[in-house]
Amino acid sequence: MPNDLYAIGDIQGCLESLEGLLEQIPADARIIFAGDIVNRGPQSLETLRFVRDLCLSGRALGTVLGNHDLHLLAVAAGSGRIHRKDTIREIFEASDCDELLDWLRRQPLLIETEATIFTHAGIPPQWTLQEARSYAQEAHEELSGKNWKKYLQDMYGNEDKVAAGKSAARMRGILNGFTRMRFVDAQGRLDFDPKMNPADAPQGCIPWFDYPRKIHKRICFGHWSTLGLLVRPDVIAIDTGCLWGGALTAIRLRDGRIFTEQCPQWAPPGC
């Protein structure tokens, strides 16, 4: 019988919490991380090394890229800058910086098992599964290639659809859909501004997963700390605000059992 598969939510540089959570999980378990390995927490460098080593050892099947992971890569590519609240500077000062970035940029935007799709923020409701797979593969090939820095130029922007042809707008549409999405409007267009709990959403905005979707396979994602833990037959949300003093969460996919590690507050909510 295959070892159980667990998904773990956004770590964001909180290595102490991840180590505590892993003590609750069998040593032979398989793990998939929901992205945002780094940034805003106290140990971004050490966390990136730790997760990289888990993946290389075979204990973790991998991590999908999150928006904070992409921000780190964009800064490395010269298309972004380190903000006051970021905790990624130490990565650029490390002797193994190039090795870590080379490993990170080769991680996918989508991991798929027989029962579940894993992405950082979800999959836009307008996309078919074939489109999602194709977009994820396209971005993966670009980020894994020698021209990855060029690909990430002009990464920042609220592109809400995937443009035709090769362009920065297309790149933004793909990356935003996989890593920044929360709400959609009445027409299903992505709205990147609201970040609150759905109960407090602006009029006309609903969670992307409550809009009629073309993909009916279960989707597991992180990214949305104000949403918190949500387990339904069609979606699993596992960002439970580790960074904000909440918890780091793992779910055993076989039966939905939840494991949590209560966390110190390293930043005020919404930081």
C-alpha atoms as a PDB file:
ATOM      1  CA  MET A   1       0.000   0.000   0.000  1.00  0.00           C
ATOM      2  CA  PRO A   2       1.450   3.419  -0.955  1.00  0.00           C
ATOM      3  CA  ASN A   3       2.437   5.737   1.871  1.00  0.00           C
ATOM      4  CA  ASP A   4      -0.191   8.346   2.747  1.00  0.00           C
ATOM      5  CA  LEU A   5      -0.087  11.684   0.954  1.00  0.00           C
ATOM      6  CA  TYR A   6      -0.268  14.912   2.972  1.00  0.00           C
ATOM      7  CA  ALA A   7      -0.611  18.510   1.772  1.00  0.00           C
ATOM      8  CA  ILE A   8       0.885  21.353   3.818  1.00  0.00           C
ATOM      9  CA  GLY A   9      -0.183  24.988   3.613  1.00  0.00           C
ATOM     10  CA  ASP A  10       1.785  28.227   3.281  1.00  0.00           C
ATOM     11  CA  ILE A  11       4.968  28.251   5.399  1.00  0.00           C
ATOM     12  CA  GLN A  12       6.334  31.703   4.472  1.00  0.00           C
ATOM     13  CA  GLY A  13       9.649  31.253   6.196  1.00  0.00           C
ATOM     14  CA  CYS A  14       8.279  29.824   9.477  1.00  0.00           C
ATOM     15  CA  LEU A  15      10.675  26.879   9.733  1.00  0.00           C
ATOM     16  CA  GLU A  16      10.086  26.225  13.434  1.00  0.00           C
ATOM     17  CA  SER A  17       6.389  25.673  12.760  1.00  0.00           C
ATOM     18  CA  LEU A  18       7.099  23.341   9.837  1.00  0.00           C
ATOM     19  CA  GLU A  19       9.460  21.228  11.941  1.00  0.00           C
ATOM     20  CA  GLY A  20       6.814  20.968  14.660  1.00  0.00           C
ATOM     21  CA  LEU A  21       4.142  19.958  12.166  1.00  0.00           C
ATOM     22  CA  LEU A  22       6.354  17.298  10.589  1.00  0.00           C
ATOM     23  CA  GLU A  23       6.775  15.681  14.018  1.00  0.00           C
ATOM     24  CA  GLN A  24       3.057  14.842  13.837  1.00  0.00           C
ATOM     25  CA  ILE A  25       3.338  13.176  10.420  1.00  0.00           C
ATOM     26  CA  PRO A  26       4.830   9.716   9.782  1.00  0.00           C
ATOM     27  CA  ALA A  27       8.416   9.846   8.594  1.00  0.00           C
ATOM     28  CA  ASP A  28       7.555   7.804   5.501  1.00  0.00           C
ATOM     29  CA  ALA A  29       4.617  10.018   4.470  1.00  0.00           C
ATOM     30  CA  ARG A  30       4.608  11.707   1.088  1.00  0.00           C
ATOM     31  CA  ILE A  31       4.216  15.516   1.181  1.00  0.00           C
ATOM     32  CA  ILE A  32       3.136  18.205  -1.268  1.00  0.00           C
ATOM     33  CA  PHE A  33       3.577  21.856  -0.297  1.00  0.00           C
ATOM     34  CA  ALA A  34       0.962  24.401  -1.397  1.00  0.00           C
ATOM     35  CA  GLY A  35       3.512  27.129  -2.164  1.00  0.00           C
ATOM     36  CA  ASP A  36       4.750  30.336  -0.531  1.00  0.00           C
ATOM     37  CA  ILE A  37       7.712  28.584   1.016  1.00  0.00           C
ATOM     38  CA  VAL A  38       9.399  31.922   1.700  1.00  0.00           C
ATOM     39  CA  ASN A  39       8.881  35.542   2.707  1.00  0.00           C
ATOM     40  CA  ARG A  40       7.571  37.582   5.620  1.00  0.00           C
ATOM     41  CA  GLY A  41       8.506  34.937   8.202  1.00  0.00           C
ATOM     42  CA  PRO A  42      11.788  34.850  10.182  1.00  0.00           C
ATOM     43  CA  GLN A  43      13.713  32.073   8.380  1.00  0.00           C
ATOM     44  CA  SER A  44      13.135  32.297   4.652  1.00  0.00           C
ATOM     45  CA  LEU A  45      16.627  31.091   3.758  1.00  0.00           C
ATOM     46  CA  GLU A  46      16.597  28.136   6.145  1.00  0.00           C
ATOM     47  CA  THR A  47      13.061  27.181   5.136  1.00  0.00           C
ATOM     48  CA  LEU A  48      13.917  27.189   1.453  1.00  0.00           C
ATOM     49  CA  ARG A  49      16.924  24.963   2.107  1.00  0.00           C
ATOM     50  CA  PHE A  50      14.875  22.640   4.309  1.00  0.00           C
ATOM     51  CA  VAL A  51      12.037  22.182   1.812  1.00  0.00           C
ATOM     52  CA  ARG A  52      14.515  21.776  -1.057  1.00  0.00           C
ATOM     53  CA  ASP A  53      16.259  19.008   0.869  1.00  0.00           C
ATOM     54  CA  LEU A  54      12.955  17.285   1.677  1.00  0.00           C
ATOM     55  CA  CYS A  55      12.150  17.234  -2.022  1.00  0.00           C
ATOM     56  CA  LEU A  56      15.583  16.033  -3.085  1.00  0.00           C
ATOM     57  CA  SER A  57      15.479  13.268  -0.465  1.00  0.00           C
ATOM     58  CA  GLY A  58      12.177  12.025  -1.834  1.00  0.00           C
ATOM     59  CA  ARG A  59      10.128  12.621   1.313  1.00  0.00           C
ATOM     60  CA  ALA A  60       8.307  15.493  -0.372  1.00  0.00           C
ATOM     61  CA  LEU A  61       6.904  15.038  -3.854  1.00  0.00           C
ATOM     62  CA  GLY A  62       7.407  18.744  -4.457  1.00  0.00           C
ATOM     63  CA  THR A  63       5.996  22.199  -3.962  1.00  0.00           C
ATOM     64  CA  VAL A  64       3.913  24.314  -6.274  1.00  0.00           C
ATOM     65  CA  LEU A  65       5.105  27.876  -6.757  1.00  0.00           C
ATOM     66  CA  GLY A  66       3.307  30.593  -4.810  1.00  0.00           C
ATOM     67  CA  ASN A  67       3.179  34.334  -5.369  1.00  0.00           C
ATOM     68  CA  HIS A  68       5.876  34.967  -2.743  1.00  0.00           C
ATOM     69  CA  ASP A  69       8.121  32.349  -4.345  1.00  0.00           C
ATOM     70  CA  LEU A  70       7.632  34.057  -7.707  1.00  0.00           C
ATOM     71  CA  HIS A  71       8.370  37.423  -6.091  1.00  0.00           C
ATOM     72  CA  LEU A  72      11.723  36.053  -4.945  1.00  0.00           C
ATOM     73  CA  LEU A  73      12.467  34.871  -8.486  1.00  0.00           C
ATOM     74  CA  ALA A  74      11.335  38.179  -9.984  1.00  0.00           C
ATOM     75  CA  VAL A  75      13.720  40.064  -7.696  1.00  0.00           C
ATOM     76  CA  ALA A  76      16.495  37.709  -8.777  1.00  0.00           C
ATOM     77  CA  ALA A  77      15.538  38.388 -12.399  1.00  0.00           C
ATOM     78  CA  GLY A  78      15.816  42.147 -11.883  1.00  0.00           C
ATOM     79  CA  SER A  79      12.120  42.780 -12.468  1.00  0.00           C
ATOM     80  CA  GLY A  80      11.162  43.273  -8.826  1.00  0.00           C
ATOM     81  CA  ARG A  81      12.553  44.859  -5.703  1.00  0.00           C
ATOM     82  CA  ILE A  82      12.768  43.850  -2.068  1.00  0.00           C
ATOM     83  CA  HIS A  83      10.056  45.558  -0.028  1.00  0.00           C
ATOM     84  CA  ARG A  84      10.325  46.654   3.589  1.00  0.00           C
ATOM     85  CA  LYS A  85       8.249  43.718   4.859  1.00  0.00           C
ATOM     86  CA  ASP A  86      10.077  41.087   2.803  1.00  0.00           C
ATOM     87  CA  THR A  87      12.448  38.617   4.446  1.00  0.00           C
ATOM     88  CA  ILE A  88      14.189  37.341   1.339  1.00  0.00           C
ATOM     89  CA  ARG A  89      17.330  39.468   1.390  1.00  0.00           C
ATOM     90  CA  GLU A  90      19.213  36.795   3.334  1.00  0.00           C
ATOM     91  CA  ILE A  91      18.687  34.391   0.442  1.00  0.00           C
ATOM     92  CA  PHE A  92      20.589  36.675  -1.938  1.00  0.00           C
ATOM     93  CA  GLU A  93      23.414  36.969   0.587  1.00  0.00           C
ATOM     94  CA  ALA A  94      23.786  33.193   0.977  1.00  0.00           C
ATOM     95  CA  SER A  95      26.678  31.300  -0.617  1.00  0.00           C
ATOM     96  CA  ASP A  96      24.215  28.783  -2.095  1.00  0.00           C
ATOM     97  CA  CYS A  97      21.816  31.419  -3.452  1.00  0.00           C
ATOM     98  CA  ASP A  98      22.206  30.355  -7.093  1.00  0.00           C
ATOM     99  CA  GLU A  99      21.626  26.692  -6.246  1.00  0.00           C
ATOM    100  CA  LEU A 100      18.475  27.501  -4.280  1.00  0.00           C
ATOM    101  CA  LEU A 101      17.042  29.746  -6.979  1.00  0.00           C
ATOM    102  CA  ASP A 102      17.824  27.185  -9.678  1.00  0.00           C
ATOM    103  CA  TRP A 103      15.928  24.564  -7.703  1.00  0.00           C
ATOM    104  CA  LEU A 104      12.993  26.857  -6.908  1.00  0.00           C
ATOM    105  CA  ARG A 105      12.424  28.062 -10.466  1.00  0.00           C
ATOM    106  CA  ARG A 106      12.132  24.456 -11.623  1.00  0.00           C
ATOM    107  CA  GLN A 107       9.172  23.760  -9.337  1.00  0.00           C
ATOM    108  CA  PRO A 108       5.755  23.503 -11.023  1.00  0.00           C
ATOM    109  CA  LEU A 109       2.632  25.617 -10.784  1.00  0.00           C
ATOM    110  CA  LEU A 110       0.445  22.515 -10.763  1.00  0.00           C
ATOM    111  CA  ILE A 111       0.848  19.031  -9.333  1.00  0.00           C
ATOM    112  CA  GLU A 112      -1.782  16.446 -10.160  1.00  0.00           C
ATOM    113  CA  THR A 113      -2.556  13.096  -8.606  1.00  0.00           C
ATOM    114  CA  GLU A 114      -5.347  10.731  -9.543  1.00  0.00           C
ATOM    115  CA  ALA A 115      -7.781  12.357  -7.104  1.00  0.00           C
ATOM    116  CA  THR A 116      -6.503  15.896  -6.545  1.00  0.00           C
ATOM    117  CA  ILE A 117      -4.987  18.937  -8.265  1.00  0.00           C
ATOM    118  CA  PHE A 118      -2.593  21.050  -6.188  1.00  0.00           C
ATOM    119  CA  THR A 119      -1.934  24.716  -6.975  1.00  0.00           C
ATOM    120  CA  HIS A 120      -1.145  27.719  -4.834  1.00  0.00           C
ATOM    121  CA  ALA A 121      -4.296  29.821  -5.282  1.00  0.00           C
ATOM    122  CA  GLY A 122      -6.577  27.511  -7.262  1.00  0.00           C
ATOM    123  CA  ILE A 123      -7.584  27.405 -10.915  1.00  0.00           C
ATOM    124  CA  PRO A 124      -9.705  30.129 -12.557  1.00  0.00           C
ATOM    125  CA  PRO A 125     -13.231  28.848 -13.137  1.00  0.00           C
ATOM    126  CA  GLN A 126     -13.103  29.629 -16.884  1.00  0.00           C
ATOM    127  CA  TRP A 127     -10.164  27.274 -17.475  1.00  0.00           C
ATOM    128  CA  THR A 128     -10.626  23.680 -18.546  1.00  0.00           C
ATOM    129  CA  LEU A 129      -8.355  21.040 -17.067  1.00  0.00           C
ATOM    130  CA  GLN A 130      -6.573  20.748 -20.401  1.00  0.00           C
ATOM    131  CA  GLU A 131      -5.950  24.512 -20.416  1.00  0.00           C
ATOM    132  CA  ALA A 132      -4.709  24.492 -16.820  1.00  0.00           C
ATOM    133  CA  ARG A 133      -2.277  21.689 -17.580  1.00  0.00           C
ATOM    134  CA  SER A 134      -1.081  23.448 -20.730  1.00  0.00           C
ATOM    135  CA  TYR A 135      -0.618  26.836 -19.037  1.00  0.00           C
ATOM    136  CA  ALA A 136       1.243  25.262 -16.116  1.00  0.00           C
ATOM    137  CA  GLN A 137       3.549  23.363 -18.460  1.00  0.00           C
ATOM    138  CA  GLU A 138       4.204  26.477 -20.559  1.00  0.00           C
ATOM    139  CA  ALA A 139       5.242  28.511 -17.534  1.00  0.00           C
ATOM    140  CA  HIS A 140       7.267  25.620 -16.114  1.00  0.00           C
ATOM    141  CA  GLU A 141       9.256  25.296 -19.325  1.00  0.00           C
ATOM    142  CA  GLU A 142       9.950  29.029 -19.404  1.00  0.00           C
ATOM    143  CA  LEU A 143      10.996  29.198 -15.747  1.00  0.00           C
ATOM    144  CA  SER A 144      13.177  26.102 -16.093  1.00  0.00           C
ATOM    145  CA  GLY A 145      14.898  27.409 -19.207  1.00  0.00           C
ATOM    146  CA  LYS A 146      17.969  29.581 -19.676  1.00  0.00           C
ATOM    147  CA  ASN A 147      15.871  32.681 -20.468  1.00  0.00           C
ATOM    148  CA  TRP A 148      13.833  32.549 -17.256  1.00  0.00           C
ATOM    149  CA  LYS A 149      14.910  36.035 -16.174  1.00  0.00           C
ATOM    150  CA  LYS A 150      13.639  37.490 -19.429  1.00  0.00           C
ATOM    151  CA  TYR A 151      10.361  35.617 -18.998  1.00  0.00           C
ATOM    152  CA  LEU A 152       9.722  37.272 -15.617  1.00  0.00           C
ATOM    153  CA  GLN A 153      10.256  40.831 -16.826  1.00  0.00           C
ATOM    154  CA  ASP A 154       7.090  42.877 -16.198  1.00  0.00           C
ATOM    155  CA  MET A 155       5.657  40.134 -13.958  1.00  0.00           C
ATOM    156  CA  TYR A 156       3.673  42.522 -11.783  1.00  0.00           C
ATOM    157  CA  GLY A 157       0.208  43.568 -12.913  1.00  0.00           C
ATOM    158  CA  ASN A 158      -3.418  42.544 -12.499  1.00  0.00           C
ATOM    159  CA  GLU A 159      -3.853  40.610 -15.720  1.00  0.00           C
ATOM    160  CA  ASP A 160      -7.039  38.576 -15.307  1.00  0.00           C
ATOM    161  CA  LYS A 161      -6.991  36.515 -18.500  1.00  0.00           C
ATOM    162  CA  VAL A 162      -4.480  34.617 -20.611  1.00  0.00           C
ATOM    163  CA  ALA A 163      -3.619  36.553 -23.761  1.00  0.00           C
ATOM    164  CA  ALA A 164      -2.861  34.850 -27.058  1.00  0.00           C
ATOM    165  CA  GLY A 165       0.687  34.633 -28.354  1.00  0.00           C
ATOM    166  CA  LYS A 166       3.873  35.113 -26.362  1.00  0.00           C
ATOM    167  CA  SER A 167       3.761  38.273 -24.292  1.00  0.00           C
ATOM    168  CA  ALA A 168       4.203  39.643 -20.794  1.00  0.00           C
ATOM    169  CA  ALA A 169       0.407  39.907 -20.576  1.00  0.00           C
ATOM    170  CA  ARG A 170       0.088  36.176 -21.218  1.00  0.00           C
ATOM    171  CA  MET A 171       2.727  35.396 -18.589  1.00  0.00           C
ATOM    172  CA  ARG A 172       0.922  37.576 -16.033  1.00  0.00           C
ATOM    173  CA  GLY A 173      -2.421  35.976 -16.842  1.00  0.00           C
ATOM    174  CA  ILE A 174      -1.031  32.497 -16.247  1.00  0.00           C
ATOM    175  CA  LEU A 175       0.919  33.294 -13.088  1.00  0.00           C
ATOM    176  CA  ASN A 176      -1.887  35.403 -11.598  1.00  0.00           C
ATOM    177  CA  GLY A 177      -4.428  32.657 -12.190  1.00  0.00           C
ATOM    178  CA  PHE A 178      -2.368  30.035 -10.401  1.00  0.00           C
ATOM    179  CA  THR A 179      -0.909  32.163  -7.577  1.00  0.00           C
ATOM    180  CA  ARG A 180      -2.904  35.335  -6.819  1.00  0.00           C
ATOM    181  CA  MET A 181      -6.595  34.559  -7.316  1.00  0.00           C
ATOM    182  CA  ARG A 182      -9.235  34.762  -4.575  1.00  0.00           C
ATOM    183  CA  PHE A 183     -12.446  36.424  -5.762  1.00  0.00           C
ATOM    184  CA  VAL A 184     -14.278  36.700  -9.054  1.00  0.00           C
ATOM    185  CA  ASP A 185     -17.052  39.098 -10.050  1.00  0.00           C
ATOM    186  CA  ALA A 186     -20.481  38.208 -11.395  1.00  0.00           C
ATOM    187  CA  GLN A 187     -18.983  37.545 -14.850  1.00  0.00           C
ATOM    188  CA  GLY A 188     -16.238  35.329 -13.447  1.00  0.00           C
ATOM    189  CA  ARG A 189     -13.475  37.897 -13.946  1.00  0.00           C
ATOM    190  CA  LEU A 190     -10.650  37.682 -11.423  1.00  0.00           C
ATOM    191  CA  ASP A 191     -10.533  40.492  -8.854  1.00  0.00           C
ATOM    192  CA  PHE A 192      -7.162  40.682  -7.123  1.00  0.00           C
ATOM    193  CA  ASP A 193      -7.890  43.533  -4.702  1.00  0.00           C
ATOM    194  CA  PRO A 194     -10.176  41.945  -2.049  1.00  0.00           C
ATOM    195  CA  LYS A 195      -8.288  39.742   0.398  1.00  0.00           C
ATOM    196  CA  MET A 196     -10.808  39.393   3.205  1.00  0.00           C
ATOM    197  CA  ASN A 197     -12.916  36.477   4.346  1.00  0.00           C
ATOM    198  CA  PRO A 198     -15.753  35.747   1.891  1.00  0.00           C
ATOM    199  CA  ALA A 199     -18.300  36.793   4.542  1.00  0.00           C
ATOM    200  CA  ASP A 200     -16.948  40.351   4.284  1.00  0.00           C
ATOM    201  CA  ALA A 201     -16.493  40.403   0.501  1.00  0.00           C
ATOM    202  CA  PRO A 202     -17.493  43.472  -1.525  1.00  0.00           C
ATOM    203  CA  GLN A 203     -20.852  43.288  -3.212  1.00  0.00           C
ATOM    204  CA  GLY A 204     -20.724  41.272  -6.410  1.00  0.00           C
ATOM    205  CA  CYS A 205     -17.600  39.305  -5.437  1.00  0.00           C
ATOM    206  CA  ILE A 206     -17.649  35.598  -4.672  1.00  0.00           C
ATOM    207  CA  PRO A 207     -14.869  33.057  -4.079  1.00  0.00           C
ATOM    208  CA  TRP A 208     -13.498  31.649  -7.326  1.00  0.00           C
ATOM    209  CA  PHE A 209     -14.494  28.130  -6.255  1.00  0.00           C
ATOM    210  CA  ASP A 210     -18.169  29.092  -5.863  1.00  0.00           C
ATOM    211  CA  TYR A 211     -18.446  30.306  -9.448  1.00  0.00           C
ATOM    212  CA  PRO A 212     -19.529  27.667 -12.025  1.00  0.00           C
ATOM    213  CA  ARG A 213     -16.349  25.839 -12.955  1.00  0.00           C
ATOM    214  CA  LYS A 214     -15.191  23.735 -15.874  1.00  0.00           C
ATOM    215  CA  ILE A 215     -12.952  21.553 -13.694  1.00  0.00           C
ATOM    216  CA  HIS A 216     -14.734  19.148 -11.366  1.00  0.00           C
ATOM    217  CA  LYS A 217     -11.715  17.377  -9.967  1.00  0.00           C
ATOM    218  CA  ARG A 218     -10.846  18.244  -6.357  1.00  0.00           C
ATOM    219  CA  ILE A 219      -8.484  21.220  -6.028  1.00  0.00           C
ATOM    220  CA  CYS A 220      -6.225  21.741  -2.997  1.00  0.00           C
ATOM    221  CA  PHE A 221      -4.752  25.220  -2.501  1.00  0.00           C
ATOM    222  CA  GLY A 222      -3.281  27.668   0.014  1.00  0.00           C
ATOM    223  CA  HIS A 223      -2.816  31.433  -0.411  1.00  0.00           C
ATOM    224  CA  TRP A 224      -6.019  32.619   1.292  1.00  0.00           C
ATOM    225  CA  SER A 225      -5.260  32.972   5.011  1.00  0.00           C
ATOM    226  CA  THR A 226      -8.419  34.964   5.779  1.00  0.00           C
ATOM    227  CA  LEU A 227     -10.495  32.128   4.319  1.00  0.00           C
ATOM    228  CA  GLY A 228      -8.789  29.625   6.588  1.00  0.00           C
ATOM    229  CA  LEU A 229      -9.363  25.908   6.584  1.00  0.00           C
ATOM    230  CA  LEU A 230     -12.041  24.734   4.176  1.00  0.00           C
ATOM    231  CA  VAL A 231     -12.605  21.084   3.355  1.00  0.00           C
ATOM    232  CA  ARG A 232     -15.275  20.199   0.807  1.00  0.00           C
ATOM    233  CA  PRO A 233     -15.548  17.355  -1.686  1.00  0.00           C
ATOM    234  CA  ASP A 234     -14.491  19.728  -4.486  1.00  0.00           C
ATOM    235  CA  VAL A 235     -11.987  22.063  -2.780  1.00  0.00           C
ATOM    236  CA  ILE A 236      -9.526  22.016   0.103  1.00  0.00           C
ATOM    237  CA  ALA A 237      -8.076  25.305   1.392  1.00  0.00           C
ATOM    238  CA  ILE A 238      -5.166  24.909   3.833  1.00  0.00           C
ATOM    239  CA  ASP A 239      -3.624  28.332   4.439  1.00  0.00           C
ATOM    240  CA  THR A 240      -4.499  28.899   8.085  1.00  0.00           C
ATOM    241  CA  GLY A 241      -2.400  31.980   8.799  1.00  0.00           C
ATOM    242  CA  CYS A 242       0.827  30.495  10.123  1.00  0.00           C
ATOM    243  CA  LEU A 243       2.616  33.814   9.677  1.00  0.00           C
ATOM    244  CA  TRP A 244      -0.085  35.796  11.508  1.00  0.00           C
ATOM    245  CA  GLY A 245      -0.031  33.680  14.675  1.00  0.00           C
ATOM    246  CA  GLY A 246      -2.532  31.126  13.426  1.00  0.00           C
ATOM    247  CA  ALA A 247      -1.541  27.590  12.567  1.00  0.00           C
ATOM    248  CA  LEU A 248       0.378  25.656   9.967  1.00  0.00           C
ATOM    249  CA  THR A 249      -1.933  22.960   8.630  1.00  0.00           C
ATOM    250  CA  ALA A 250      -1.484  19.590   6.979  1.00  0.00           C
ATOM    251  CA  ILE A 251      -4.252  17.402   5.598  1.00  0.00           C
ATOM    252  CA  ARG A 252      -4.068  13.673   5.015  1.00  0.00           C
ATOM    253  CA  LEU A 253      -5.690  13.302   1.638  1.00  0.00           C
ATOM    254  CA  ARG A 254      -6.893   9.733   2.147  1.00  0.00           C
ATOM    255  CA  ASP A 255      -9.413  10.592   4.860  1.00  0.00           C
ATOM    256  CA  GLY A 256      -9.250  14.374   5.335  1.00  0.00           C
ATOM    257  CA  ARG A 257      -7.666  14.195   8.790  1.00  0.00           C
ATOM    258  CA  ILE A 258      -6.234  17.566   9.812  1.00  0.00           C
ATOM    259  CA  PHE A 259      -2.954  18.159  11.638  1.00  0.00           C
ATOM    260  CA  THR A 260      -2.059  21.609  12.967  1.00  0.00           C
ATOM    261  CA  GLU A 261       0.891  23.328  14.593  1.00  0.00           C
ATOM    262  CA  GLN A 262       0.074  26.531  16.459  1.00  0.00           C
ATOM    263  CA  CYS A 263       2.483  29.292  15.438  1.00  0.00           C
ATOM    264  CA  PRO A 264       4.047  32.425  16.889  1.00  0.00           C
ATOM    265  CA  GLN A 265       2.849  35.696  15.394  1.00  0.00           C
ATOM    266  CA  TRP A 266       5.658  36.989  13.204  1.00  0.00           C
ATOM    267  CA  ALA A 267       3.657  39.726  11.485  1.00  0.00           C
ATOM    268  CA  PRO A 268       0.295  41.460  12.002  1.00  0.00           C
ATOM    269  CA  PRO A 269      -2.571  39.992   9.961  1.00  0.00           C
ATOM    270  CA  GLY A 270      -2.735  41.473   6.480  1.00  0.00           C
ATOM    271  CA  CYS A 271       0.917  42.543   6.529  1.00  0.00           C
END
